[in-house]
N, C-alpha and C. Protein backbone atom coordinates (compact mmCIF):
# COMPACT_ATOMS: atom_id res chain seq x y z
N MET A 1 -5.92 7.95 12.52
CA MET A 1 -4.69 7.53 12.76
C MET A 1 -3.98 6.86 11.54
N THR A 2 -2.82 7.28 11.41
CA THR A 2 -2.14 6.79 10.15
C THR A 2 -1.05 5.69 10.73
N LEU A 3 -1.21 4.57 9.97
CA LEU A 3 -0.28 3.45 10.43
C LEU A 3 1.14 3.66 9.88
N PRO A 4 2.18 3.21 10.55
CA PRO A 4 3.49 3.21 10.06
C PRO A 4 3.70 2.21 8.72
N LEU A 5 4.66 2.35 7.91
CA LEU A 5 4.83 1.28 6.95
C LEU A 5 5.10 -0.04 7.31
N PHE A 6 5.74 -0.11 8.47
CA PHE A 6 6.17 -1.48 9.13
C PHE A 6 5.37 -1.70 10.39
N LEU A 7 4.50 -2.73 10.34
CA LEU A 7 3.56 -3.03 11.46
C LEU A 7 4.08 -4.21 12.30
N SER A 8 3.67 -4.14 13.56
CA SER A 8 3.80 -5.20 14.55
C SER A 8 2.69 -6.25 14.19
N GLU A 9 2.79 -7.43 14.61
CA GLU A 9 1.83 -8.48 14.41
C GLU A 9 0.42 -8.08 15.13
N GLN A 10 0.49 -7.34 16.06
CA GLN A 10 -0.75 -6.78 16.79
C GLN A 10 -1.55 -5.68 15.88
N GLN A 11 -0.54 -4.86 15.29
CA GLN A 11 -1.04 -3.89 14.47
C GLN A 11 -1.69 -4.41 13.20
N VAL A 12 -0.98 -5.56 12.71
CA VAL A 12 -1.54 -6.15 11.40
C VAL A 12 -3.01 -6.85 11.80
N ALA A 13 -2.94 -7.36 12.95
CA ALA A 13 -4.27 -8.06 13.33
C ALA A 13 -5.53 -7.08 13.43
N GLU A 14 -5.19 -5.93 14.11
CA GLU A 14 -6.25 -4.86 14.15
C GLU A 14 -6.63 -4.27 12.90
N MET A 15 -5.35 -4.12 12.10
CA MET A 15 -5.88 -3.59 10.65
C MET A 15 -6.70 -4.46 9.79
N VAL A 16 -6.38 -5.60 9.83
CA VAL A 16 -7.15 -6.64 8.95
C VAL A 16 -8.58 -7.03 9.70
N LEU A 17 -8.47 -7.39 10.87
CA LEU A 17 -9.62 -7.98 11.44
C LEU A 17 -10.42 -6.89 12.40
N GLY A 18 -9.59 -5.97 12.78
CA GLY A 18 -10.26 -4.98 13.83
C GLY A 18 -9.84 -5.30 15.26
N PRO A 19 -9.94 -4.37 15.97
CA PRO A 19 -9.61 -4.72 17.43
C PRO A 19 -10.44 -5.72 18.18
N GLU A 20 -11.67 -5.84 17.84
CA GLU A 20 -12.48 -6.82 18.60
C GLU A 20 -12.17 -8.37 18.14
N ARG A 21 -11.66 -8.52 16.84
CA ARG A 21 -11.32 -9.90 16.45
C ARG A 21 -9.85 -10.01 16.36
N ALA A 22 -9.08 -9.14 16.73
CA ALA A 22 -7.48 -9.34 16.61
C ALA A 22 -6.99 -10.59 17.17
N LYS A 23 -7.64 -11.19 18.29
CA LYS A 23 -7.12 -12.41 18.81
C LYS A 23 -7.20 -13.59 18.03
N GLU A 24 -8.03 -13.59 17.00
CA GLU A 24 -8.24 -14.57 16.08
C GLU A 24 -7.02 -14.73 14.94
N TRP A 25 -6.22 -13.55 14.94
CA TRP A 25 -5.03 -13.35 14.02
C TRP A 25 -3.98 -14.48 14.06
N PRO A 26 -3.51 -14.86 15.21
CA PRO A 26 -2.49 -15.91 15.19
C PRO A 26 -2.94 -17.10 14.44
N ALA A 27 -4.18 -17.64 14.43
CA ALA A 27 -4.44 -18.83 13.83
C ALA A 27 -4.66 -18.65 12.28
N LYS A 28 -5.12 -17.37 12.00
CA LYS A 28 -5.20 -17.03 10.55
C LYS A 28 -4.11 -16.85 9.89
N LEU A 29 -3.07 -16.16 10.71
CA LEU A 29 -1.58 -15.98 10.09
C LEU A 29 -0.85 -17.33 9.74
N LYS A 30 -1.11 -18.24 10.54
CA LYS A 30 -0.49 -19.51 10.20
C LYS A 30 -1.01 -20.11 8.81
N VAL A 31 -2.33 -20.01 8.57
CA VAL A 31 -2.92 -20.33 7.41
C VAL A 31 -2.44 -19.42 6.06
N LEU A 32 -2.43 -18.30 6.35
CA LEU A 32 -1.91 -17.17 5.31
C LEU A 32 -0.51 -17.43 5.12
N GLU A 33 0.32 -17.72 6.05
CA GLU A 33 1.78 -17.85 5.70
C GLU A 33 2.05 -19.10 4.74
N GLN A 34 1.11 -20.02 4.82
CA GLN A 34 1.24 -21.16 3.94
C GLN A 34 0.96 -20.86 2.47
N LYS A 35 -0.01 -19.75 2.23
CA LYS A 35 -0.37 -19.36 0.89
C LYS A 35 0.82 -18.58 0.26
N ALA A 36 1.07 -18.84 -0.91
CA ALA A 36 2.07 -18.09 -1.69
C ALA A 36 1.85 -16.71 -1.69
N GLY A 37 2.83 -16.00 -1.59
CA GLY A 37 2.78 -14.44 -1.59
C GLY A 37 2.40 -13.61 -0.24
N PHE A 38 2.01 -14.43 0.67
CA PHE A 38 1.79 -13.42 1.95
C PHE A 38 3.10 -12.88 2.42
N PRO A 39 3.24 -11.69 2.61
CA PRO A 39 4.40 -10.87 3.13
C PRO A 39 4.90 -11.54 4.29
N ARG A 40 6.09 -11.58 4.40
CA ARG A 40 6.80 -12.05 5.70
C ARG A 40 7.32 -10.76 6.54
N LYS A 41 7.50 -11.10 7.77
CA LYS A 41 8.03 -9.99 8.58
C LYS A 41 9.49 -9.66 8.03
N ASN A 42 9.76 -8.39 7.94
CA ASN A 42 11.01 -7.95 7.50
C ASN A 42 12.09 -7.92 8.61
N ARG A 43 13.09 -8.62 8.58
CA ARG A 43 14.03 -8.74 9.66
C ARG A 43 14.72 -7.40 9.80
N ILE A 44 15.04 -6.62 8.95
CA ILE A 44 15.67 -5.38 9.11
C ILE A 44 14.74 -4.36 9.77
N TYR A 45 13.62 -4.21 9.23
CA TYR A 45 12.69 -3.11 9.87
C TYR A 45 11.77 -3.68 11.03
N GLY A 46 11.87 -4.90 11.16
CA GLY A 46 11.18 -5.44 12.42
C GLY A 46 9.67 -5.42 12.34
N GLY A 47 9.17 -5.52 11.25
CA GLY A 47 7.72 -5.68 10.94
C GLY A 47 7.19 -6.00 9.65
N TYR A 48 5.84 -6.12 9.46
CA TYR A 48 5.30 -6.43 8.20
C TYR A 48 5.04 -5.03 7.58
N TYR A 49 5.45 -5.26 6.09
CA TYR A 49 5.13 -3.98 5.21
C TYR A 49 3.75 -3.91 4.94
N ARG A 50 3.20 -2.85 5.46
CA ARG A 50 1.70 -2.55 5.42
C ARG A 50 1.23 -2.65 3.94
N PRO A 51 1.85 -1.90 2.98
CA PRO A 51 1.29 -1.88 1.56
C PRO A 51 1.20 -3.30 0.93
N ALA A 52 2.13 -4.02 1.38
CA ALA A 52 2.24 -5.39 0.94
C ALA A 52 1.10 -6.42 1.43
N ILE A 53 0.77 -6.08 2.73
CA ILE A 53 -0.36 -6.81 3.42
C ILE A 53 -1.57 -6.25 2.75
N GLU A 54 -1.83 -5.02 2.58
CA GLU A 54 -3.01 -4.50 1.90
C GLU A 54 -3.14 -5.17 0.66
N GLN A 55 -2.04 -5.12 -0.31
CA GLN A 55 -2.30 -5.72 -1.46
C GLN A 55 -2.67 -7.28 -1.53
N PHE A 56 -2.02 -7.93 -0.64
CA PHE A 56 -2.32 -9.36 -0.59
C PHE A 56 -3.80 -9.68 -0.11
N ILE A 57 -4.21 -8.86 0.73
CA ILE A 57 -5.51 -9.03 1.34
C ILE A 57 -6.62 -8.73 0.10
N ALA A 58 -6.30 -7.62 -0.53
CA ALA A 58 -7.12 -7.11 -1.82
C ALA A 58 -7.29 -8.29 -2.69
N GLU A 59 -6.13 -8.76 -3.09
CA GLU A 59 -6.10 -9.71 -4.24
C GLU A 59 -6.68 -11.09 -3.73
N ASP A 60 -6.52 -11.35 -2.37
CA ASP A 60 -7.09 -12.55 -1.74
C ASP A 60 -8.72 -12.60 -1.80
N VAL A 61 -9.02 -11.57 -1.66
CA VAL A 61 -10.72 -11.39 -1.71
C VAL A 61 -11.28 -11.06 -3.04
N GLY A 62 -10.37 -10.92 -4.12
CA GLY A 62 -10.92 -10.87 -5.48
C GLY A 62 -10.73 -9.57 -6.13
N PHE A 63 -10.02 -8.61 -5.47
CA PHE A 63 -9.71 -7.39 -6.16
C PHE A 63 -8.44 -7.51 -6.90
N ARG A 64 -8.47 -6.89 -8.18
CA ARG A 64 -7.25 -6.79 -8.80
C ARG A 64 -6.56 -5.43 -8.59
N THR A 65 -5.62 -5.40 -7.74
CA THR A 65 -4.94 -4.18 -7.33
C THR A 65 -4.44 -3.30 -8.43
N ALA A 66 -3.89 -3.88 -9.57
CA ALA A 66 -3.44 -3.25 -10.66
C ALA A 66 -4.53 -2.35 -11.19
N ASP A 67 -5.81 -2.59 -10.97
CA ASP A 67 -6.78 -1.75 -11.61
C ASP A 67 -7.36 -0.65 -10.84
N LEU A 68 -6.89 -0.62 -9.55
CA LEU A 68 -7.19 0.37 -8.54
C LEU A 68 -6.33 1.52 -8.46
N PRO A 69 -6.83 2.78 -8.52
CA PRO A 69 -5.94 3.94 -8.30
C PRO A 69 -5.08 3.85 -6.89
N VAL A 70 -4.02 4.29 -6.91
CA VAL A 70 -3.41 4.34 -5.67
C VAL A 70 -3.02 5.63 -5.31
N THR A 71 -3.15 6.09 -3.94
CA THR A 71 -2.79 7.43 -3.47
C THR A 71 -1.67 7.32 -2.48
N ILE A 72 -0.69 7.93 -2.72
CA ILE A 72 0.56 8.11 -1.79
C ILE A 72 0.59 9.37 -1.09
N GLU A 73 0.56 9.45 0.28
CA GLU A 73 0.66 10.55 1.00
C GLU A 73 2.31 11.02 1.14
N VAL A 74 2.49 12.17 0.71
CA VAL A 74 3.68 12.92 0.79
C VAL A 74 3.62 14.02 1.54
N ALA A 75 4.05 14.12 2.78
CA ALA A 75 3.76 15.20 3.68
C ALA A 75 2.41 15.70 3.66
N ASP A 76 2.12 16.88 3.23
CA ASP A 76 0.73 17.28 3.20
C ASP A 76 0.13 17.31 1.74
N ARG A 77 0.81 16.64 0.88
CA ARG A 77 0.36 16.68 -0.59
C ARG A 77 -0.02 15.11 -0.84
N HIS A 78 -0.91 14.98 -1.80
CA HIS A 78 -1.22 13.72 -2.27
C HIS A 78 -0.94 13.48 -3.79
N LEU A 79 -0.48 12.36 -4.03
CA LEU A 79 -0.04 11.99 -5.40
C LEU A 79 -0.92 10.84 -5.78
N ALA A 80 -1.74 10.90 -6.84
CA ALA A 80 -2.58 9.81 -7.27
C ALA A 80 -1.93 9.17 -8.52
N ILE A 81 -1.74 7.70 -8.37
CA ILE A 81 -1.11 7.18 -9.38
C ILE A 81 -2.26 6.21 -9.86
N VAL A 82 -2.52 6.36 -11.16
CA VAL A 82 -3.73 5.55 -11.89
C VAL A 82 -3.07 4.70 -13.02
N PRO A 83 -3.56 3.47 -13.19
CA PRO A 83 -2.95 2.65 -14.19
C PRO A 83 -3.39 3.23 -15.65
N TYR A 84 -2.79 2.75 -16.67
CA TYR A 84 -3.19 3.13 -18.06
C TYR A 84 -4.44 2.50 -18.21
N PRO A 85 -5.28 2.93 -19.14
CA PRO A 85 -6.57 2.55 -19.61
C PRO A 85 -6.30 1.09 -20.37
N GLU A 86 -7.33 0.38 -20.64
CA GLU A 86 -7.32 -1.01 -21.12
C GLU A 86 -6.49 -0.87 -22.51
N ASP A 87 -6.52 0.35 -23.40
CA ASP A 87 -5.76 0.17 -24.64
C ASP A 87 -4.24 0.39 -24.36
N GLY A 88 -3.86 0.55 -23.08
CA GLY A 88 -2.50 0.65 -22.88
C GLY A 88 -1.70 1.98 -23.14
N GLU A 89 -2.50 2.94 -23.65
CA GLU A 89 -1.93 4.16 -24.03
C GLU A 89 -2.25 5.26 -23.01
N SER A 90 -1.27 6.20 -22.88
CA SER A 90 -1.33 7.19 -21.94
C SER A 90 -2.31 8.30 -22.56
N HIS A 91 -3.17 8.72 -21.84
CA HIS A 91 -4.16 9.91 -22.43
C HIS A 91 -3.90 11.18 -21.52
N ALA A 92 -2.83 11.20 -20.88
CA ALA A 92 -2.43 12.38 -20.02
C ALA A 92 -2.04 13.47 -20.95
N THR A 93 -2.42 14.66 -20.62
CA THR A 93 -1.77 15.83 -21.39
C THR A 93 -0.36 16.30 -20.66
N PRO A 94 0.47 16.56 -21.45
CA PRO A 94 1.82 16.83 -20.92
C PRO A 94 1.85 18.16 -20.01
N ALA A 95 2.59 18.20 -19.04
CA ALA A 95 2.64 19.23 -18.10
C ALA A 95 3.38 20.61 -18.88
N ARG A 96 3.08 21.75 -18.48
CA ARG A 96 3.57 22.87 -19.10
C ARG A 96 5.09 22.94 -18.72
N PRO A 97 5.93 23.40 -19.52
CA PRO A 97 7.39 23.45 -19.30
C PRO A 97 7.68 24.34 -17.95
N LEU A 98 8.67 23.98 -17.19
CA LEU A 98 8.99 24.74 -15.96
C LEU A 98 9.73 26.14 -16.36
N ASP A 99 9.30 27.25 -15.74
CA ASP A 99 9.71 28.45 -15.98
C ASP A 99 10.85 28.60 -15.06
N ARG A 100 12.17 28.36 -15.93
CA ARG A 100 13.56 28.51 -15.02
C ARG A 100 13.77 29.87 -14.44
N ARG A 101 13.16 30.92 -14.97
CA ARG A 101 13.57 32.20 -14.50
C ARG A 101 13.07 32.38 -12.96
N ARG A 102 12.08 31.76 -12.60
CA ARG A 102 11.58 31.78 -11.13
C ARG A 102 12.19 30.91 -10.15
N ARG A 103 13.31 30.26 -10.51
CA ARG A 103 14.01 29.39 -9.76
C ARG A 103 14.92 30.28 -8.81
N THR A 104 14.70 29.95 -7.38
CA THR A 104 15.44 30.44 -6.28
C THR A 104 16.57 29.65 -5.75
N VAL A 105 17.70 30.15 -5.27
CA VAL A 105 18.63 29.53 -4.76
C VAL A 105 18.75 29.73 -3.29
N ARG A 106 18.83 28.74 -2.48
CA ARG A 106 18.83 28.81 -0.97
C ARG A 106 20.26 28.71 -0.62
């Protein structure tokens, strides 16, 4: 099951603690809200931004999210975004030029 970008408090509780422990979430949320950086509920979208919650939890338990690769799902394709290596230089090979002759107009 894919979760939406903006989650209800119940969805956050189940994502973080699992359905069995979700009832513990309100007490934990009060503590986490006092910690700097915990994402607030978005008033416009009416929920908690899932990627921000995931990043906060990862950093809270000691993972440096900047060092982890990120995968973004776009329709049925995946795009992997990985940070530069320690030397700060890109080691990617350039893509081949786009063949403009094959371009179709709809």
